[in-house]
Amino acid sequence: MTALVTGAGGAIGTAVAERLAHDGHAVVAVDIDENGAADTCRRIQEAGGTALTIACDLRDEEQIAAAFATTADACGSLDVLVNNAAVFPSGPFIDVSLADLDDTIRVNQRAYFLCAQHAARSMMVSHGGSIVNVASIVWHGGWANMSPYVATKGAIVAMTRALATELGQYEIRVNAIAPGAFPTAAERAQHPDLEEYQARILESQALKRRGTFEELAAAVSFLAGPESSFVTGQTLNVDGGWIMS
């Protein structure tokens, strides 16, 4: 079994890649940060797993196509795709530049679409597979000062449903997870007063603690694996009970 994870050099991507390797997948770690992806692969290999590093700028459709071609040559058919890579521009809506908007759409939406296309073509040949898109709880109610990110994450939820409907006939399942607030580098960059931010998170959540990346990866593992074989078109909130609809 082979799983390709985008954004595999970041905290979420690393946890997901390691969990899928633990589940028995050969992991293809894709990231614009080749060193980060290579470190993820090293961790998997040291634990006895199989992993391949591919440097790829998801803004470039030719690099995306090359990444999937390399995966096919090295691993054969693809069983799981995790669309995880994302960018997080922040600032007031009226100040968002067209360049920032376009860049966010390229990485957070267009690349998910293109990666899903390549994955689906492979999965149609092998008669099944699972695509898991990483959305965010922000699509539920909108968050201030991050409108391009919110817009793209909402689009991912809609795309997940559309692809699930169309690809189900090929036994390809398409689901999404919507993480709440996890302690990522983006969180630290966007919230200088982390103590105040954490207090606000815990007030909003039903569970009064922060989630771990391993818990997030477990949700991806469930949607990617056989135990969710009759689940498709769904978005699973992994947020400690912040959003309950």
C-alpha atoms as a PDB file:
ATOM      1  CA  MET A   1       0.000   0.000   0.000  1.00  0.00           C
ATOM      2  CA  THR A   2       1.207   3.507  -0.827  1.00  0.00           C
ATOM      3  CA  ALA A   3       0.150   6.825   0.685  1.00  0.00           C
ATOM      4  CA  LEU A   4       1.168  10.259  -0.604  1.00  0.00           C
ATOM      5  CA  VAL A   5       1.076  13.113   1.911  1.00  0.00           C
ATOM      6  CA  THR A   6       1.501  16.746   0.870  1.00  0.00           C
ATOM      7  CA  GLY A   7       2.994  19.181   3.321  1.00  0.00           C
ATOM      8  CA  ALA A   8       4.732  16.203   4.908  1.00  0.00           C
ATOM      9  CA  GLY A   9       7.521  18.321   6.350  1.00  0.00           C
ATOM     10  CA  GLY A  10       5.252  20.252   8.733  1.00  0.00           C
ATOM     11  CA  ALA A  11       3.965  19.189  12.128  1.00  0.00           C
ATOM     12  CA  ILE A  12       0.609  17.854  10.932  1.00  0.00           C
ATOM     13  CA  GLY A  13       2.047  16.257   7.806  1.00  0.00           C
ATOM     14  CA  THR A  14       4.806  14.530   9.779  1.00  0.00           C
ATOM     15  CA  ALA A  15       2.348  13.053  12.262  1.00  0.00           C
ATOM     16  CA  VAL A  16       0.062  11.867   9.457  1.00  0.00           C
ATOM     17  CA  ALA A  17       2.937  10.356   7.476  1.00  0.00           C
ATOM     18  CA  GLU A  18       4.274   8.538  10.521  1.00  0.00           C
ATOM     19  CA  ARG A  19       0.842   7.160  11.398  1.00  0.00           C
ATOM     20  CA  LEU A  20       0.202   5.923   7.855  1.00  0.00           C
ATOM     21  CA  ALA A  21       3.639   4.283   7.841  1.00  0.00           C
ATOM     22  CA  HIS A  22       2.731   2.611  11.124  1.00  0.00           C
ATOM     23  CA  ASP A  23      -0.467   1.389   9.435  1.00  0.00           C
ATOM     24  CA  GLY A  24       1.645  -0.368   6.824  1.00  0.00           C
ATOM     25  CA  HIS A  25       1.821   2.145   4.001  1.00  0.00           C
ATOM     26  CA  ALA A  26       4.877   3.067   2.026  1.00  0.00           C
ATOM     27  CA  VAL A  27       4.793   6.845   2.422  1.00  0.00           C
ATOM     28  CA  VAL A  28       5.633   9.429  -0.219  1.00  0.00           C
ATOM     29  CA  ALA A  29       6.466  12.639   1.643  1.00  0.00           C
ATOM     30  CA  VAL A  30       5.879  15.679  -0.578  1.00  0.00           C
ATOM     31  CA  ASP A  31       6.836  19.183   0.483  1.00  0.00           C
ATOM     32  CA  ILE A  32       8.323  22.370  -0.915  1.00  0.00           C
ATOM     33  CA  ASP A  33      10.728  22.082   2.034  1.00  0.00           C
ATOM     34  CA  GLU A  34      12.814  19.120   0.909  1.00  0.00           C
ATOM     35  CA  ASN A  35      14.757  19.032   4.172  1.00  0.00           C
ATOM     36  CA  GLY A  36      11.542  18.867   6.194  1.00  0.00           C
ATOM     37  CA  ALA A  37      10.156  16.042   4.054  1.00  0.00           C
ATOM     38  CA  ALA A  38      13.493  14.202   4.238  1.00  0.00           C
ATOM     39  CA  ASP A  39      13.442  14.457   8.026  1.00  0.00           C
ATOM     40  CA  THR A  40       9.950  12.925   8.060  1.00  0.00           C
ATOM     41  CA  CYS A  41      11.191  10.083   5.856  1.00  0.00           C
ATOM     42  CA  ARG A  42      14.197   9.553   8.108  1.00  0.00           C
ATOM     43  CA  ARG A  43      11.917   9.207  11.143  1.00  0.00           C
ATOM     44  CA  ILE A  44       9.750   6.666   9.295  1.00  0.00           C
ATOM     45  CA  GLN A  45      12.729   4.673   8.084  1.00  0.00           C
ATOM     46  CA  GLU A  46      14.307   4.619  11.548  1.00  0.00           C
ATOM     47  CA  ALA A  47      11.042   3.136  12.822  1.00  0.00           C
ATOM     48  CA  GLY A  48      11.268   0.370  10.215  1.00  0.00           C
ATOM     49  CA  GLY A  49       8.960   1.883   7.592  1.00  0.00           C
ATOM     50  CA  THR A  50       9.371   2.725   3.921  1.00  0.00           C
ATOM     51  CA  ALA A  51       9.357   6.349   2.752  1.00  0.00           C
ATOM     52  CA  LEU A  52      10.281   8.440  -0.265  1.00  0.00           C
ATOM     53  CA  THR A  53      10.995  12.178  -0.306  1.00  0.00           C
ATOM     54  CA  ILE A  54       9.782  14.352  -3.186  1.00  0.00           C
ATOM     55  CA  ALA A  55      10.456  18.087  -3.286  1.00  0.00           C
ATOM     56  CA  CYS A  56       7.510  19.807  -4.944  1.00  0.00           C
ATOM     57  CA  ASP A  57       6.126  23.326  -5.154  1.00  0.00           C
ATOM     58  CA  LEU A  58       2.391  22.691  -5.295  1.00  0.00           C
ATOM     59  CA  ARG A  59       1.907  26.009  -7.066  1.00  0.00           C
ATOM     60  CA  ASP A  60       3.402  24.399 -10.182  1.00  0.00           C
ATOM     61  CA  GLU A  61       1.214  21.879 -12.018  1.00  0.00           C
ATOM     62  CA  GLU A  62       4.203  20.374 -13.804  1.00  0.00           C
ATOM     63  CA  GLN A  63       5.921  19.660 -10.492  1.00  0.00           C
ATOM     64  CA  ILE A  64       2.712  18.062  -9.204  1.00  0.00           C
ATOM     65  CA  ALA A  65       2.509  15.830 -12.282  1.00  0.00           C
ATOM     66  CA  ALA A  66       6.182  14.900 -11.862  1.00  0.00           C
ATOM     67  CA  ALA A  67       5.642  14.000  -8.199  1.00  0.00           C
ATOM     68  CA  PHE A  68       2.865  11.568  -9.081  1.00  0.00           C
ATOM     69  CA  ALA A  69       4.887  10.128 -11.969  1.00  0.00           C
ATOM     70  CA  THR A  70       7.809   9.527  -9.608  1.00  0.00           C
ATOM     71  CA  THR A  71       5.446   7.893  -7.135  1.00  0.00           C
ATOM     72  CA  ALA A  72       4.082   5.577  -9.828  1.00  0.00           C
ATOM     73  CA  ASP A  73       7.575   4.610 -10.975  1.00  0.00           C
ATOM     74  CA  ALA A  74       8.797   3.929  -7.442  1.00  0.00           C
ATOM     75  CA  CYS A  75       5.706   2.478  -5.782  1.00  0.00           C
ATOM     76  CA  GLY A  76       3.165   1.528  -8.426  1.00  0.00           C
ATOM     77  CA  SER A  77      -0.468   2.434  -7.824  1.00  0.00           C
ATOM     78  CA  LEU A  78      -1.532   4.875  -5.133  1.00  0.00           C
ATOM     79  CA  ASP A  79      -3.893   3.807  -2.342  1.00  0.00           C
ATOM     80  CA  VAL A  80      -4.157   6.951  -0.211  1.00  0.00           C
ATOM     81  CA  LEU A  81      -3.760  10.670  -0.865  1.00  0.00           C
ATOM     82  CA  VAL A  82      -3.697  13.154   2.000  1.00  0.00           C
ATOM     83  CA  ASN A  83      -4.024  16.724   0.753  1.00  0.00           C
ATOM     84  CA  ASN A  84      -2.542  18.605   3.691  1.00  0.00           C
ATOM     85  CA  ALA A  85      -0.234  21.411   2.533  1.00  0.00           C
ATOM     86  CA  ALA A  86      -1.545  24.939   3.097  1.00  0.00           C
ATOM     87  CA  VAL A  87      -0.531  28.567   3.441  1.00  0.00           C
ATOM     88  CA  PHE A  88      -1.973  30.949   6.023  1.00  0.00           C
ATOM     89  CA  PRO A  89      -1.919  34.623   5.029  1.00  0.00           C
ATOM     90  CA  SER A  90      -3.470  36.864   7.644  1.00  0.00           C
ATOM     91  CA  GLY A  91      -4.683  40.441   7.743  1.00  0.00           C
ATOM     92  CA  PRO A  92      -7.821  42.541   7.264  1.00  0.00           C
ATOM     93  CA  PHE A  93      -9.986  41.601   4.299  1.00  0.00           C
ATOM     94  CA  ILE A  94      -9.784  45.071   2.743  1.00  0.00           C
ATOM     95  CA  ASP A  95      -5.975  44.836   2.692  1.00  0.00           C
ATOM     96  CA  VAL A  96      -5.686  41.398   1.057  1.00  0.00           C
ATOM     97  CA  SER A  97      -3.662  41.699  -2.128  1.00  0.00           C
ATOM     98  CA  LEU A  98      -4.532  39.857  -5.303  1.00  0.00           C
ATOM     99  CA  ALA A  99      -1.124  38.168  -5.116  1.00  0.00           C
ATOM    100  CA  ASP A 100      -1.874  36.793  -1.633  1.00  0.00           C
ATOM    101  CA  LEU A 101      -5.345  35.655  -2.696  1.00  0.00           C
ATOM    102  CA  ASP A 102      -4.031  33.920  -5.812  1.00  0.00           C
ATOM    103  CA  ASP A 103      -1.209  32.251  -3.890  1.00  0.00           C
ATOM    104  CA  THR A 104      -3.607  30.913  -1.250  1.00  0.00           C
ATOM    105  CA  ILE A 105      -5.941  29.522  -3.901  1.00  0.00           C
ATOM    106  CA  ARG A 106      -3.030  27.886  -5.761  1.00  0.00           C
ATOM    107  CA  VAL A 107      -1.780  26.025  -2.686  1.00  0.00           C
ATOM    108  CA  ASN A 108      -4.928  25.443  -0.620  1.00  0.00           C
ATOM    109  CA  GLN A 109      -7.448  24.744  -3.376  1.00  0.00           C
ATOM    110  CA  ARG A 110      -6.000  24.355  -6.878  1.00  0.00           C
ATOM    111  CA  ALA A 111      -3.254  21.967  -5.745  1.00  0.00           C
ATOM    112  CA  TYR A 112      -5.775  19.851  -3.814  1.00  0.00           C
ATOM    113  CA  PHE A 113      -7.845  19.570  -6.984  1.00  0.00           C
ATOM    114  CA  LEU A 114      -4.877  18.641  -9.171  1.00  0.00           C
ATOM    115  CA  CYS A 115      -3.464  16.143  -6.671  1.00  0.00           C
ATOM    116  CA  ALA A 116      -6.883  14.523  -6.339  1.00  0.00           C
ATOM    117  CA  GLN A 117      -7.093  14.227 -10.135  1.00  0.00           C
ATOM    118  CA  HIS A 118      -3.748  12.443 -10.348  1.00  0.00           C
ATOM    119  CA  ALA A 119      -4.594  10.212  -7.395  1.00  0.00           C
ATOM    120  CA  ALA A 120      -8.021   9.317  -8.789  1.00  0.00           C
ATOM    121  CA  ARG A 121      -6.541   8.291 -12.134  1.00  0.00           C
ATOM    122  CA  SER A 122      -4.219   5.881 -10.357  1.00  0.00           C
ATOM    123  CA  MET A 123      -6.936   4.609  -8.027  1.00  0.00           C
ATOM    124  CA  MET A 124      -9.358   3.977 -10.898  1.00  0.00           C
ATOM    125  CA  VAL A 125      -6.831   1.569 -12.401  1.00  0.00           C
ATOM    126  CA  SER A 126      -6.347  -0.253  -9.090  1.00  0.00           C
ATOM    127  CA  HIS A 127     -10.102  -0.243  -8.342  1.00  0.00           C
ATOM    128  CA  GLY A 128     -10.263   1.839  -5.214  1.00  0.00           C
ATOM    129  CA  GLY A 129      -8.566   4.138  -2.783  1.00  0.00           C
ATOM    130  CA  SER A 130      -9.056   6.917  -0.282  1.00  0.00           C
ATOM    131  CA  ILE A 131      -8.524  10.664  -0.565  1.00  0.00           C
ATOM    132  CA  VAL A 132      -8.445  12.666   2.663  1.00  0.00           C
ATOM    133  CA  ASN A 133      -8.483  16.459   2.404  1.00  0.00           C
ATOM    134  CA  VAL A 134      -7.396  18.618   5.322  1.00  0.00           C
ATOM    135  CA  ALA A 135      -9.907  21.445   5.715  1.00  0.00           C
ATOM    136  CA  SER A 136     -10.407  23.477   8.918  1.00  0.00           C
ATOM    137  CA  ILE A 137     -13.184  24.354  11.328  1.00  0.00           C
ATOM    138  CA  VAL A 138     -12.900  27.971  10.157  1.00  0.00           C
ATOM    139  CA  TRP A 139     -15.194  27.171   7.237  1.00  0.00           C
ATOM    140  CA  HIS A 140     -18.140  26.763   9.647  1.00  0.00           C
ATOM    141  CA  GLY A 141     -18.435  30.324  10.845  1.00  0.00           C
ATOM    142  CA  GLY A 142     -15.699  32.380   9.294  1.00  0.00           C
ATOM    143  CA  TRP A 143     -12.732  33.780  11.173  1.00  0.00           C
ATOM    144  CA  ALA A 144     -11.676  37.427  10.957  1.00  0.00           C
ATOM    145  CA  ASN A 145      -8.408  38.488   9.333  1.00  0.00           C
ATOM    146  CA  MET A 146      -7.867  35.284   7.365  1.00  0.00           C
ATOM    147  CA  SER A 147     -10.461  35.492   4.601  1.00  0.00           C
ATOM    148  CA  PRO A 148      -8.414  33.796   1.807  1.00  0.00           C
ATOM    149  CA  TYR A 149      -7.687  30.829   4.086  1.00  0.00           C
ATOM    150  CA  VAL A 150     -11.313  30.549   5.229  1.00  0.00           C
ATOM    151  CA  ALA A 151     -12.557  30.735   1.636  1.00  0.00           C
ATOM    152  CA  THR A 152     -10.240  27.990   0.413  1.00  0.00           C
ATOM    153  CA  LYS A 153     -10.999  25.680   3.329  1.00  0.00           C
ATOM    154  CA  GLY A 154     -14.721  26.052   2.651  1.00  0.00           C
ATOM    155  CA  ALA A 155     -14.050  25.211  -0.975  1.00  0.00           C
ATOM    156  CA  ILE A 156     -12.247  22.034   0.092  1.00  0.00           C
ATOM    157  CA  VAL A 157     -15.316  20.825   2.002  1.00  0.00           C
ATOM    158  CA  ALA A 158     -17.480  21.421  -1.075  1.00  0.00           C
ATOM    159  CA  MET A 159     -14.954  19.749  -3.364  1.00  0.00           C
ATOM    160  CA  THR A 160     -14.793  16.736  -1.034  1.00  0.00           C
ATOM    161  CA  ARG A 161     -18.533  16.183  -1.421  1.00  0.00           C
ATOM    162  CA  ALA A 162     -18.458  16.633  -5.192  1.00  0.00           C
ATOM    163  CA  LEU A 163     -15.576  14.193  -5.663  1.00  0.00           C
ATOM    164  CA  ALA A 164     -17.141  11.633  -3.327  1.00  0.00           C
ATOM    165  CA  THR A 165     -20.291  11.672  -5.448  1.00  0.00           C
ATOM    166  CA  GLU A 166     -18.428  11.319  -8.720  1.00  0.00           C
ATOM    167  CA  LEU A 167     -15.721   8.847  -7.704  1.00  0.00           C
ATOM    168  CA  GLY A 168     -17.784   6.487  -5.571  1.00  0.00           C
ATOM    169  CA  GLN A 169     -18.586   4.322  -8.579  1.00  0.00           C
ATOM    170  CA  TYR A 170     -14.878   3.471  -8.720  1.00  0.00           C
ATOM    171  CA  GLU A 171     -14.713   2.571  -5.007  1.00  0.00           C
ATOM    172  CA  ILE A 172     -12.746   5.736  -4.352  1.00  0.00           C
ATOM    173  CA  ARG A 173     -13.752   7.369  -1.086  1.00  0.00           C
ATOM    174  CA  VAL A 174     -13.221  11.084  -0.511  1.00  0.00           C
ATOM    175  CA  ASN A 175     -13.469  12.601   2.961  1.00  0.00           C
ATOM    176  CA  ALA A 176     -12.084  15.554   4.866  1.00  0.00           C
ATOM    177  CA  ILE A 177     -10.980  16.378   8.361  1.00  0.00           C
ATOM    178  CA  ALA A 178     -11.484  19.824   9.843  1.00  0.00           C
ATOM    179  CA  PRO A 179      -8.890  20.431  12.544  1.00  0.00           C
ATOM    180  CA  GLY A 180      -9.475  22.914  15.299  1.00  0.00           C
ATOM    181  CA  ALA A 181      -6.605  24.797  16.897  1.00  0.00           C
ATOM    182  CA  PHE A 182      -3.397  22.788  17.039  1.00  0.00           C
ATOM    183  CA  PRO A 183      -0.023  24.165  18.199  1.00  0.00           C
ATOM    184  CA  THR A 184       1.572  24.659  14.791  1.00  0.00           C
ATOM    185  CA  ALA A 185       4.250  27.075  13.674  1.00  0.00           C
ATOM    186  CA  ALA A 186       1.522  29.105  11.931  1.00  0.00           C
ATOM    187  CA  GLU A 187      -0.289  29.486  15.248  1.00  0.00           C
ATOM    188  CA  ARG A 188       2.830  30.799  16.916  1.00  0.00           C
ATOM    189  CA  ALA A 189       3.439  33.220  14.061  1.00  0.00           C
ATOM    190  CA  GLN A 190      -0.121  34.584  13.980  1.00  0.00           C
ATOM    191  CA  HIS A 191      -0.772  34.877  17.722  1.00  0.00           C
ATOM    192  CA  PRO A 192       1.984  36.701  19.605  1.00  0.00           C
ATOM    193  CA  ASP A 193       0.097  36.403  22.914  1.00  0.00           C
ATOM    194  CA  LEU A 194      -0.083  32.609  23.010  1.00  0.00           C
ATOM    195  CA  GLU A 195      -1.268  32.521  26.621  1.00  0.00           C
ATOM    196  CA  GLU A 196      -4.337  34.619  25.795  1.00  0.00           C
ATOM    197  CA  TYR A 197      -4.973  32.626  22.633  1.00  0.00           C
ATOM    198  CA  GLN A 198      -4.790  29.318  24.450  1.00  0.00           C
ATOM    199  CA  ALA A 199      -7.229  30.548  27.092  1.00  0.00           C
ATOM    200  CA  ARG A 200      -9.656  31.517  24.327  1.00  0.00           C
ATOM    201  CA  ILE A 201      -9.312  28.091  22.707  1.00  0.00           C
ATOM    202  CA  LEU A 202      -9.996  26.197  25.907  1.00  0.00           C
ATOM    203  CA  GLU A 203     -13.026  28.365  26.624  1.00  0.00           C
ATOM    204  CA  SER A 204     -14.434  27.498  23.178  1.00  0.00           C
ATOM    205  CA  GLN A 205     -13.754  23.768  23.322  1.00  0.00           C
ATOM    206  CA  ALA A 206     -15.769  21.154  25.202  1.00  0.00           C
ATOM    207  CA  LEU A 207     -12.528  19.354  26.025  1.00  0.00           C
ATOM    208  CA  LYS A 208     -10.372  21.634  28.156  1.00  0.00           C
ATOM    209  CA  ARG A 209      -7.004  20.677  26.732  1.00  0.00           C
ATOM    210  CA  ARG A 210      -5.097  21.056  23.505  1.00  0.00           C
ATOM    211  CA  GLY A 211      -5.263  18.300  20.934  1.00  0.00           C
ATOM    212  CA  THR A 212      -2.156  16.453  19.801  1.00  0.00           C
ATOM    213  CA  PHE A 213      -0.924  15.895  16.285  1.00  0.00           C
ATOM    214  CA  GLU A 214      -1.136  12.163  16.924  1.00  0.00           C
ATOM    215  CA  GLU A 215      -4.882  12.503  17.588  1.00  0.00           C
ATOM    216  CA  LEU A 216      -5.285  14.372  14.330  1.00  0.00           C
ATOM    217  CA  ALA A 217      -3.294  11.715  12.489  1.00  0.00           C
ATOM    218  CA  ALA A 218      -5.518   9.015  14.008  1.00  0.00           C
ATOM    219  CA  ALA A 219      -8.556  10.639  12.390  1.00  0.00           C
ATOM    220  CA  VAL A 220      -6.795  10.635   9.023  1.00  0.00           C
ATOM    221  CA  SER A 221      -5.841   6.997   9.557  1.00  0.00           C
ATOM    222  CA  PHE A 222      -9.483   6.094  10.188  1.00  0.00           C
ATOM    223  CA  LEU A 223     -10.715   7.833   7.039  1.00  0.00           C
ATOM    224  CA  ALA A 224      -7.871   6.397   4.970  1.00  0.00           C
ATOM    225  CA  GLY A 225      -8.260   2.857   6.210  1.00  0.00           C
ATOM    226  CA  PRO A 226     -10.652  -0.080   5.888  1.00  0.00           C
ATOM    227  CA  GLU A 227     -12.603   0.664   9.074  1.00  0.00           C
ATOM    228  CA  SER A 228     -14.262   3.591   7.275  1.00  0.00           C
ATOM    229  CA  SER A 229     -14.993   1.580   4.135  1.00  0.00           C
ATOM    230  CA  PHE A 230     -18.613   2.808   3.996  1.00  0.00           C
ATOM    231  CA  VAL A 231     -17.813   6.445   4.792  1.00  0.00           C
ATOM    232  CA  THR A 232     -17.466   9.016   2.019  1.00  0.00           C
ATOM    233  CA  GLY A 233     -18.297  12.658   1.393  1.00  0.00           C
ATOM    234  CA  GLN A 234     -17.926  13.495   5.089  1.00  0.00           C
ATOM    235  CA  THR A 235     -16.037  16.185   6.970  1.00  0.00           C
ATOM    236  CA  LEU A 236     -14.915  15.116  10.437  1.00  0.00           C
ATOM    237  CA  ASN A 237     -14.264  17.894  12.932  1.00  0.00           C
ATOM    238  CA  VAL A 238     -11.227  17.139  15.073  1.00  0.00           C
ATOM    239  CA  ASP A 239     -11.464  20.087  17.415  1.00  0.00           C
ATOM    240  CA  GLY A 240     -12.162  19.022  20.993  1.00  0.00           C
ATOM    241  CA  GLY A 241     -15.820  19.903  20.593  1.00  0.00           C
ATOM    242  CA  TRP A 242     -15.350  23.498  19.417  1.00  0.00           C
ATOM    243  CA  ILE A 243     -17.803  23.105  16.529  1.00  0.00           C
ATOM    244  CA  MET A 244     -20.693  20.690  17.026  1.00  0.00           C
ATOM    245  CA  SER A 245     -22.534  20.742  13.712  1.00  0.00           C
END
